[in-house]
Amino acid sequence: MPPGVESATICSLTSAGTYETRSVAEASVDDLVRELSAAPLVRASQEFDTGRAMRCSPGGSVPATRQVVLRYDHGPAVVVSVYPGCDPQLITGSRRAGLTPELRELLDLPAEP
């Protein structure tokens, strides 16, 4: 993630298909950015690269169960889409990454089985 994040918001998909938002505490923004930046990069399938498919296990989610919006003092916000149970699990721009236990905790997601 680019440095200089001023604030972060986590949008969580509800059972009604809408998103609830919560602001990340100022003291936790740096931790969230650090963990997102450290997330292990993954190589998505060729089908995903061509926009035809996303591989999800049973119970995997499309659309994203979380959207992390990182806001900067200057320039556009960065949105990270979170897809637990899918490959890849984190998508922003051309970056594809996996979820770590630390990110799952910060995003209030259940631990992987």
C-alpha atoms as a PDB file:
ATOM      1  CA  MET A   1       0.000   0.000   0.000  1.00  0.00           C
ATOM      2  CA  PRO A   2       1.260   3.501  -0.696  1.00  0.00           C
ATOM      3  CA  PRO A   3       2.442   5.347   2.430  1.00  0.00           C
ATOM      4  CA  GLY A   4       0.632   8.346   3.873  1.00  0.00           C
ATOM      5  CA  VAL A   5      -2.770   6.890   4.738  1.00  0.00           C
ATOM      6  CA  GLU A   6      -4.748   9.509   6.667  1.00  0.00           C
ATOM      7  CA  SER A   7      -7.776   7.363   7.573  1.00  0.00           C
ATOM      8  CA  ALA A   8      -9.336   3.993   6.898  1.00  0.00           C
ATOM      9  CA  THR A   9     -12.896   2.702   6.729  1.00  0.00           C
ATOM     10  CA  ILE A  10     -14.020  -0.925   6.706  1.00  0.00           C
ATOM     11  CA  CYS A  11     -17.260  -1.685   4.898  1.00  0.00           C
ATOM     12  CA  SER A  12     -18.829  -5.042   5.834  1.00  0.00           C
ATOM     13  CA  LEU A  13     -21.427  -6.819   3.703  1.00  0.00           C
ATOM     14  CA  THR A  14     -24.651  -7.482   5.614  1.00  0.00           C
ATOM     15  CA  SER A  15     -27.099 -10.323   5.084  1.00  0.00           C
ATOM     16  CA  ALA A  16     -29.395  -7.786   3.381  1.00  0.00           C
ATOM     17  CA  GLY A  17     -26.749  -7.210   0.699  1.00  0.00           C
ATOM     18  CA  THR A  18     -25.780  -3.709   1.816  1.00  0.00           C
ATOM     19  CA  TYR A  19     -22.556  -2.518   3.423  1.00  0.00           C
ATOM     20  CA  GLU A  20     -22.199  -1.242   6.994  1.00  0.00           C
ATOM     21  CA  THR A  21     -19.241   1.048   7.543  1.00  0.00           C
ATOM     22  CA  ARG A  22     -16.972   1.624  10.504  1.00  0.00           C
ATOM     23  CA  SER A  23     -14.003   3.912  10.820  1.00  0.00           C
ATOM     24  CA  VAL A  24     -10.719   2.367  11.874  1.00  0.00           C
ATOM     25  CA  ALA A  25      -9.386   3.931  15.065  1.00  0.00           C
ATOM     26  CA  GLU A  26      -6.568   6.354  14.294  1.00  0.00           C
ATOM     27  CA  ALA A  27      -4.184   4.323  16.459  1.00  0.00           C
ATOM     28  CA  SER A  28      -4.919   1.176  14.381  1.00  0.00           C
ATOM     29  CA  VAL A  29      -4.593   2.631  10.865  1.00  0.00           C
ATOM     30  CA  ASP A  30      -0.821   2.072  10.705  1.00  0.00           C
ATOM     31  CA  ASP A  31      -1.241  -1.557  11.861  1.00  0.00           C
ATOM     32  CA  LEU A  32      -3.877  -2.183   9.190  1.00  0.00           C
ATOM     33  CA  VAL A  33      -1.744  -0.630   6.431  1.00  0.00           C
ATOM     34  CA  ARG A  34       1.334  -2.565   7.590  1.00  0.00           C
ATOM     35  CA  GLU A  35      -0.572  -5.882   7.533  1.00  0.00           C
ATOM     36  CA  LEU A  36      -2.149  -5.162   4.130  1.00  0.00           C
ATOM     37  CA  SER A  37       1.281  -4.308   2.723  1.00  0.00           C
ATOM     38  CA  ALA A  38       2.779  -7.494   4.172  1.00  0.00           C
ATOM     39  CA  ALA A  39       0.019  -9.787   2.864  1.00  0.00           C
ATOM     40  CA  PRO A  40       1.552 -12.596   0.802  1.00  0.00           C
ATOM     41  CA  LEU A  41       1.178 -12.002  -2.931  1.00  0.00           C
ATOM     42  CA  VAL A  42      -0.527 -14.777  -4.891  1.00  0.00           C
ATOM     43  CA  ARG A  43      -0.732 -15.624  -8.542  1.00  0.00           C
ATOM     44  CA  ALA A  44      -4.371 -15.714  -9.572  1.00  0.00           C
ATOM     45  CA  SER A  45      -5.618 -18.242 -12.079  1.00  0.00           C
ATOM     46  CA  GLN A  46      -5.463 -17.424 -15.777  1.00  0.00           C
ATOM     47  CA  GLU A  47      -9.272 -17.306 -15.852  1.00  0.00           C
ATOM     48  CA  PHE A  48      -9.219 -14.582 -13.194  1.00  0.00           C
ATOM     49  CA  ASP A  49      -6.578 -12.619 -15.104  1.00  0.00           C
ATOM     50  CA  THR A  50      -8.842 -12.550 -18.141  1.00  0.00           C
ATOM     51  CA  GLY A  51     -11.843 -11.542 -16.024  1.00  0.00           C
ATOM     52  CA  ARG A  52     -13.791 -14.733 -16.613  1.00  0.00           C
ATOM     53  CA  ALA A  53     -13.754 -16.410 -13.207  1.00  0.00           C
ATOM     54  CA  MET A  54     -12.791 -16.216  -9.572  1.00  0.00           C
ATOM     55  CA  ARG A  55     -12.141 -19.505  -7.835  1.00  0.00           C
ATOM     56  CA  CYS A  56     -14.131 -19.808  -4.607  1.00  0.00           C
ATOM     57  CA  SER A  57     -14.607 -22.781  -2.336  1.00  0.00           C
ATOM     58  CA  PRO A  58     -18.093 -23.703  -1.139  1.00  0.00           C
ATOM     59  CA  GLY A  59     -19.071 -20.905   1.213  1.00  0.00           C
ATOM     60  CA  GLY A  60     -16.579 -18.539  -0.458  1.00  0.00           C
ATOM     61  CA  SER A  61     -17.907 -15.109  -1.202  1.00  0.00           C
ATOM     62  CA  VAL A  62     -18.596 -12.968  -4.222  1.00  0.00           C
ATOM     63  CA  PRO A  63     -19.240 -10.054  -3.808  1.00  0.00           C
ATOM     64  CA  ALA A  64     -16.571  -9.022  -1.343  1.00  0.00           C
ATOM     65  CA  THR A  65     -17.521  -9.439   2.306  1.00  0.00           C
ATOM     66  CA  ARG A  66     -15.318  -6.471   3.192  1.00  0.00           C
ATOM     67  CA  GLN A  67     -14.090  -3.358   1.408  1.00  0.00           C
ATOM     68  CA  VAL A  68     -11.212  -1.502   3.051  1.00  0.00           C
ATOM     69  CA  VAL A  69     -11.051   2.142   1.960  1.00  0.00           C
ATOM     70  CA  LEU A  70      -7.724   3.878   2.602  1.00  0.00           C
ATOM     71  CA  ARG A  71      -7.888   7.659   2.306  1.00  0.00           C
ATOM     72  CA  TYR A  72      -4.927   9.920   1.632  1.00  0.00           C
ATOM     73  CA  ASP A  73      -4.444  13.637   2.168  1.00  0.00           C
ATOM     74  CA  HIS A  74      -3.756  13.985  -1.577  1.00  0.00           C
ATOM     75  CA  GLY A  75      -4.858  11.721  -4.388  1.00  0.00           C
ATOM     76  CA  PRO A  76      -7.525   9.089  -4.721  1.00  0.00           C
ATOM     77  CA  ALA A  77      -8.516   6.579  -2.079  1.00  0.00           C
ATOM     78  CA  VAL A  78      -7.331   2.985  -2.397  1.00  0.00           C
ATOM     79  CA  VAL A  79      -9.975   0.259  -2.092  1.00  0.00           C
ATOM     80  CA  VAL A  80      -9.011  -3.266  -1.057  1.00  0.00           C
ATOM     81  CA  SER A  81     -11.689  -5.886  -1.742  1.00  0.00           C
ATOM     82  CA  VAL A  82     -11.708  -8.879   0.614  1.00  0.00           C
ATOM     83  CA  TYR A  83     -12.981 -12.293  -0.548  1.00  0.00           C
ATOM     84  CA  PRO A  84     -12.578 -14.929   2.206  1.00  0.00           C
ATOM     85  CA  GLY A  85     -12.753 -18.440   0.775  1.00  0.00           C
ATOM     86  CA  CYS A  86     -11.687 -17.318  -2.703  1.00  0.00           C
ATOM     87  CA  ASP A  87      -8.436 -17.146  -4.624  1.00  0.00           C
ATOM     88  CA  PRO A  88      -7.203 -14.449  -4.475  1.00  0.00           C
ATOM     89  CA  GLN A  89      -8.553 -13.232  -1.117  1.00  0.00           C
ATOM     90  CA  LEU A  90      -7.404  -9.599  -1.369  1.00  0.00           C
ATOM     91  CA  ILE A  91      -7.604  -7.496  -4.523  1.00  0.00           C
ATOM     92  CA  THR A  92      -6.609  -3.898  -5.129  1.00  0.00           C
ATOM     93  CA  GLY A  93      -5.685  -2.670  -8.584  1.00  0.00           C
ATOM     94  CA  SER A  94      -3.300  -5.272  -9.995  1.00  0.00           C
ATOM     95  CA  ARG A  95      -2.209  -6.548  -6.547  1.00  0.00           C
ATOM     96  CA  ARG A  96      -3.534  -9.972  -5.518  1.00  0.00           C
ATOM     97  CA  ALA A  97      -2.775 -11.303  -2.044  1.00  0.00           C
ATOM     98  CA  GLY A  98      -3.828 -13.755   0.630  1.00  0.00           C
ATOM     99  CA  LEU A  99      -5.282 -13.126   4.078  1.00  0.00           C
ATOM    100  CA  THR A 100      -3.089 -13.606   7.137  1.00  0.00           C
ATOM    101  CA  PRO A 101      -4.358 -14.427  10.640  1.00  0.00           C
ATOM    102  CA  GLU A 102      -3.464 -10.863  11.670  1.00  0.00           C
ATOM    103  CA  LEU A 103      -5.536  -9.363   8.846  1.00  0.00           C
ATOM    104  CA  ARG A 104      -8.456 -11.652   9.641  1.00  0.00           C
ATOM    105  CA  GLU A 105      -8.405 -10.327  13.202  1.00  0.00           C
ATOM    106  CA  LEU A 106      -8.133  -6.662  12.147  1.00  0.00           C
ATOM    107  CA  LEU A 107     -10.998  -7.123   9.667  1.00  0.00           C
ATOM    108  CA  ASP A 108     -13.142  -9.043  12.169  1.00  0.00           C
ATOM    109  CA  LEU A 109     -13.210 -12.165  10.013  1.00  0.00           C
ATOM    110  CA  PRO A 110     -13.375 -15.697  11.432  1.00  0.00           C
ATOM    111  CA  ALA A 111     -10.153 -17.691  11.560  1.00  0.00           C
ATOM    112  CA  GLU A 112      -9.495 -20.079   8.691  1.00  0.00           C
ATOM    113  CA  PRO A 113     -10.507 -23.668   9.469  1.00  0.00           C
END
